[in-house]
Amino acid sequence: MMTRGILTFVLCLAFAGMVIAADSGSVERNKQPIHIKSNMLTTDSDKQTATFTGKVVARQADVTIYCDRMIIYYSEKDKQQEVDKIEGFGNVRVLQADKIGLGGHGIYLSKEGKIILDDNPKVYQGEDEVSGKVITYFLDTERSEVTSDPDTRVMAIIHPKEKGKDGNKKP
């Protein structure tokens, strides 16, 4: 009976990408299933979580997240399970198109279409680089916010673009 519950949870988790979002980019991404691979999966129905450990790779549409451990928090809404957030720990790496985000910890809020990186975060786009205390990246608007504190200032390295190349894209 417990195996059936776990199987039901994992199947619901696979369809959890179908959540309602504010804009069309998020809507399209969230209609896609989340594919997750890891060495181990532990579920907790009481806490409504699924914890993946060991070489975790999660993909949804154009976003891929790598980390050592990932916790998926879900809720039940209208008798369907929805993903509230995905939290990655240890060697977090987020890929989307030509952008790479790195940090020791990351949170993916799929309904809002944003990723928050902290614990020494850096974002690379081509040769350009940005770092700070916390980096928040809005996937659908390609907008980012980098914050600092008294000990960690925002740092950016931006390389000039050659004529004829796309010089509008910045991290």
Protein backbone atom coordinates (compact mmCIF):
# COMPACT_ATOMS: atom_id res chain seq x y z
CA MET A 1 0.00 0.00 0.00
CA MET A 2 2.85 2.41 0.85
CA THR A 3 4.50 1.61 -2.50
CA ARG A 4 1.28 2.60 -4.27
CA GLY A 5 1.27 5.92 -2.37
CA ILE A 6 4.88 6.64 -3.32
CA LEU A 7 4.19 5.71 -6.94
CA THR A 8 1.15 7.99 -6.97
CA PHE A 9 3.25 10.80 -5.51
CA VAL A 10 6.03 10.38 -8.08
CA LEU A 11 3.50 10.32 -10.93
CA CYS A 12 1.82 13.45 -9.57
CA LEU A 13 5.24 15.04 -9.24
CA ALA A 14 5.94 14.31 -12.89
CA PHE A 15 2.81 16.24 -13.85
CA ALA A 16 3.45 19.03 -11.34
CA GLY A 17 4.92 21.25 -14.02
CA MET A 18 1.37 22.07 -15.10
CA VAL A 19 0.85 25.01 -12.78
CA ILE A 20 -0.81 28.34 -13.38
CA ALA A 21 1.60 31.20 -13.90
CA ALA A 22 1.39 34.94 -14.37
CA ASP A 23 2.86 35.28 -17.87
CA SER A 24 2.98 33.25 -21.07
CA GLY A 25 6.68 32.24 -20.74
CA SER A 26 6.04 30.68 -17.35
CA VAL A 27 2.81 29.12 -18.58
CA GLU A 28 4.60 27.37 -21.44
CA ARG A 29 7.46 26.20 -19.21
CA ASN A 30 5.09 25.02 -16.49
CA LYS A 31 3.09 22.93 -18.94
CA GLN A 32 6.20 20.84 -19.43
CA PRO A 33 6.96 17.93 -17.08
CA ILE A 34 9.89 18.10 -14.69
CA HIS A 35 12.39 15.30 -15.38
CA ILE A 36 14.58 14.47 -12.37
CA LYS A 37 17.43 12.00 -12.04
CA SER A 38 19.33 11.27 -8.83
CA ASN A 39 20.91 8.47 -6.84
CA MET A 40 18.11 8.38 -4.26
CA LEU A 41 14.56 9.64 -3.69
CA THR A 42 12.88 10.03 -0.30
CA THR A 43 9.28 11.23 -0.01
CA ASP A 44 7.46 12.57 3.04
CA SER A 45 3.68 12.85 2.65
CA ASP A 46 3.26 14.65 5.99
CA LYS A 47 5.71 17.40 5.04
CA GLN A 48 4.64 17.23 1.37
CA THR A 49 8.21 16.98 0.12
CA ALA A 50 10.32 14.86 -2.14
CA THR A 51 14.08 14.85 -1.52
CA PHE A 52 16.46 13.79 -4.27
CA THR A 53 20.09 13.17 -3.31
CA GLY A 54 23.25 12.37 -5.22
CA LYS A 55 24.11 13.88 -8.61
CA VAL A 56 20.69 15.48 -9.05
CA VAL A 57 19.69 16.71 -12.50
CA ALA A 58 16.27 18.36 -12.96
CA ARG A 59 15.01 19.61 -16.33
CA GLN A 60 11.88 21.52 -17.21
CA ALA A 61 11.64 22.95 -20.71
CA ASP A 62 14.64 25.26 -21.20
CA VAL A 63 15.87 25.19 -17.56
CA THR A 64 18.26 22.56 -16.15
CA ILE A 65 19.35 22.47 -12.51
CA TYR A 66 22.24 20.37 -11.18
CA CYS A 67 22.98 19.99 -7.45
CA ASP A 68 23.96 17.54 -4.69
CA ARG A 69 20.54 17.52 -2.99
CA MET A 70 17.16 18.84 -4.10
CA ILE A 71 13.95 19.23 -2.13
CA ILE A 72 10.67 19.69 -3.94
CA TYR A 73 7.91 21.26 -1.88
CA TYR A 74 4.40 20.64 -3.11
CA SER A 75 0.86 21.48 -2.11
CA GLU A 76 -2.53 20.12 -3.00
CA LYS A 77 -4.81 22.49 -4.85
CA ASP A 78 -8.16 21.44 -6.28
CA LYS A 79 -7.24 17.77 -5.68
CA GLN A 80 -4.09 18.13 -7.80
CA GLN A 81 -0.58 18.34 -6.46
CA GLU A 82 1.40 21.43 -7.47
CA VAL A 83 5.05 22.26 -6.99
CA ASP A 84 5.45 25.28 -4.70
CA LYS A 85 9.22 25.53 -4.97
CA ILE A 86 12.35 23.56 -5.75
CA GLU A 87 15.36 24.07 -3.50
CA GLY A 88 18.87 22.93 -4.41
CA PHE A 89 21.80 22.47 -2.04
CA GLY A 90 25.49 21.98 -2.77
CA ASN A 91 27.18 22.73 -6.09
CA VAL A 92 24.06 24.29 -7.58
CA ARG A 93 24.33 24.99 -11.29
CA VAL A 94 21.44 26.40 -13.33
CA LEU A 95 21.49 26.48 -17.14
CA GLN A 96 19.15 28.38 -19.43
CA ALA A 97 20.16 29.13 -23.01
CA ASP A 98 23.61 30.79 -22.86
CA LYS A 99 23.37 31.66 -19.14
CA ILE A 100 24.99 29.67 -16.33
CA GLY A 101 24.20 30.39 -12.68
CA LEU A 102 26.32 28.92 -9.87
CA GLY A 103 25.94 28.93 -6.09
CA GLY A 104 25.95 26.81 -2.98
CA HIS A 105 22.18 27.15 -2.63
CA GLY A 106 19.36 27.94 -5.03
CA ILE A 107 15.58 28.23 -5.08
CA TYR A 108 13.47 27.86 -8.22
CA LEU A 109 10.00 29.38 -7.98
CA SER A 110 8.42 28.04 -11.16
CA LYS A 111 5.08 29.84 -10.74
CA GLU A 112 6.92 33.16 -10.57
CA GLY A 113 9.50 32.17 -13.18
CA LYS A 114 12.48 33.11 -11.02
CA ILE A 115 15.61 31.58 -9.59
CA ILE A 116 17.32 32.86 -6.46
CA LEU A 117 21.00 31.95 -5.96
CA ASP A 118 23.01 32.58 -2.81
CA ASP A 119 26.07 31.17 -1.02
CA ASN A 120 28.71 32.71 -3.31
CA PRO A 121 26.50 33.08 -6.42
CA LYS A 122 27.83 33.89 -9.88
CA VAL A 123 26.14 34.18 -13.23
CA TYR A 124 27.95 33.88 -16.55
CA GLN A 125 26.73 34.80 -20.01
CA GLY A 126 29.42 34.25 -22.57
CA GLU A 127 32.54 35.94 -21.18
CA ASP A 128 30.53 38.29 -18.95
CA GLU A 129 30.22 37.58 -15.22
CA VAL A 130 28.22 38.96 -12.29
CA SER A 131 28.51 38.08 -8.59
CA GLY A 132 27.18 39.39 -5.29
CA LYS A 133 25.46 38.24 -2.10
CA VAL A 134 22.16 37.16 -3.74
CA ILE A 135 21.31 36.90 -7.43
CA THR A 136 17.68 36.75 -8.48
CA TYR A 137 17.05 35.93 -12.13
CA PHE A 138 13.63 36.28 -13.76
CA LEU A 139 13.56 33.62 -16.47
CA ASP A 140 10.78 35.01 -18.64
CA THR A 141 11.79 38.66 -18.71
CA GLU A 142 15.56 38.00 -18.74
CA ARG A 143 15.92 40.48 -15.90
CA SER A 144 18.18 40.04 -12.89
CA GLU A 145 18.79 41.66 -9.52
CA VAL A 146 22.12 41.34 -7.75
CA THR A 147 22.31 42.50 -4.14
CA SER A 148 25.19 43.00 -1.77
CA ASP A 149 25.84 43.51 1.93
CA PRO A 150 28.64 45.32 3.80
CA ASP A 151 30.95 42.32 3.33
CA THR A 152 30.07 41.36 -0.25
CA ARG A 153 29.83 43.97 -2.98
CA VAL A 154 28.31 43.43 -6.41
CA MET A 155 30.96 42.70 -9.03
CA ALA A 156 30.50 42.64 -12.80
CA ILE A 157 32.90 41.91 -15.63
CA ILE A 158 31.46 42.99 -18.96
CA HIS A 159 33.42 42.48 -22.15
CA PRO A 160 32.92 44.85 -25.08
CA LYS A 161 31.12 43.25 -28.00
CA GLU A 162 32.53 43.37 -31.51
CA LYS A 163 30.55 45.18 -34.19
CA GLY A 164 28.12 42.89 -35.95
CA LYS A 165 27.64 40.70 -32.88
CA ASP A 166 24.70 40.89 -30.48
CA GLY A 167 25.87 43.48 -27.97
CA ASN A 168 22.53 43.81 -26.18
CA LYS A 169 22.69 40.66 -24.06
CA LYS A 170 24.10 41.11 -20.59
CA PRO A 171 24.00 38.75 -17.57
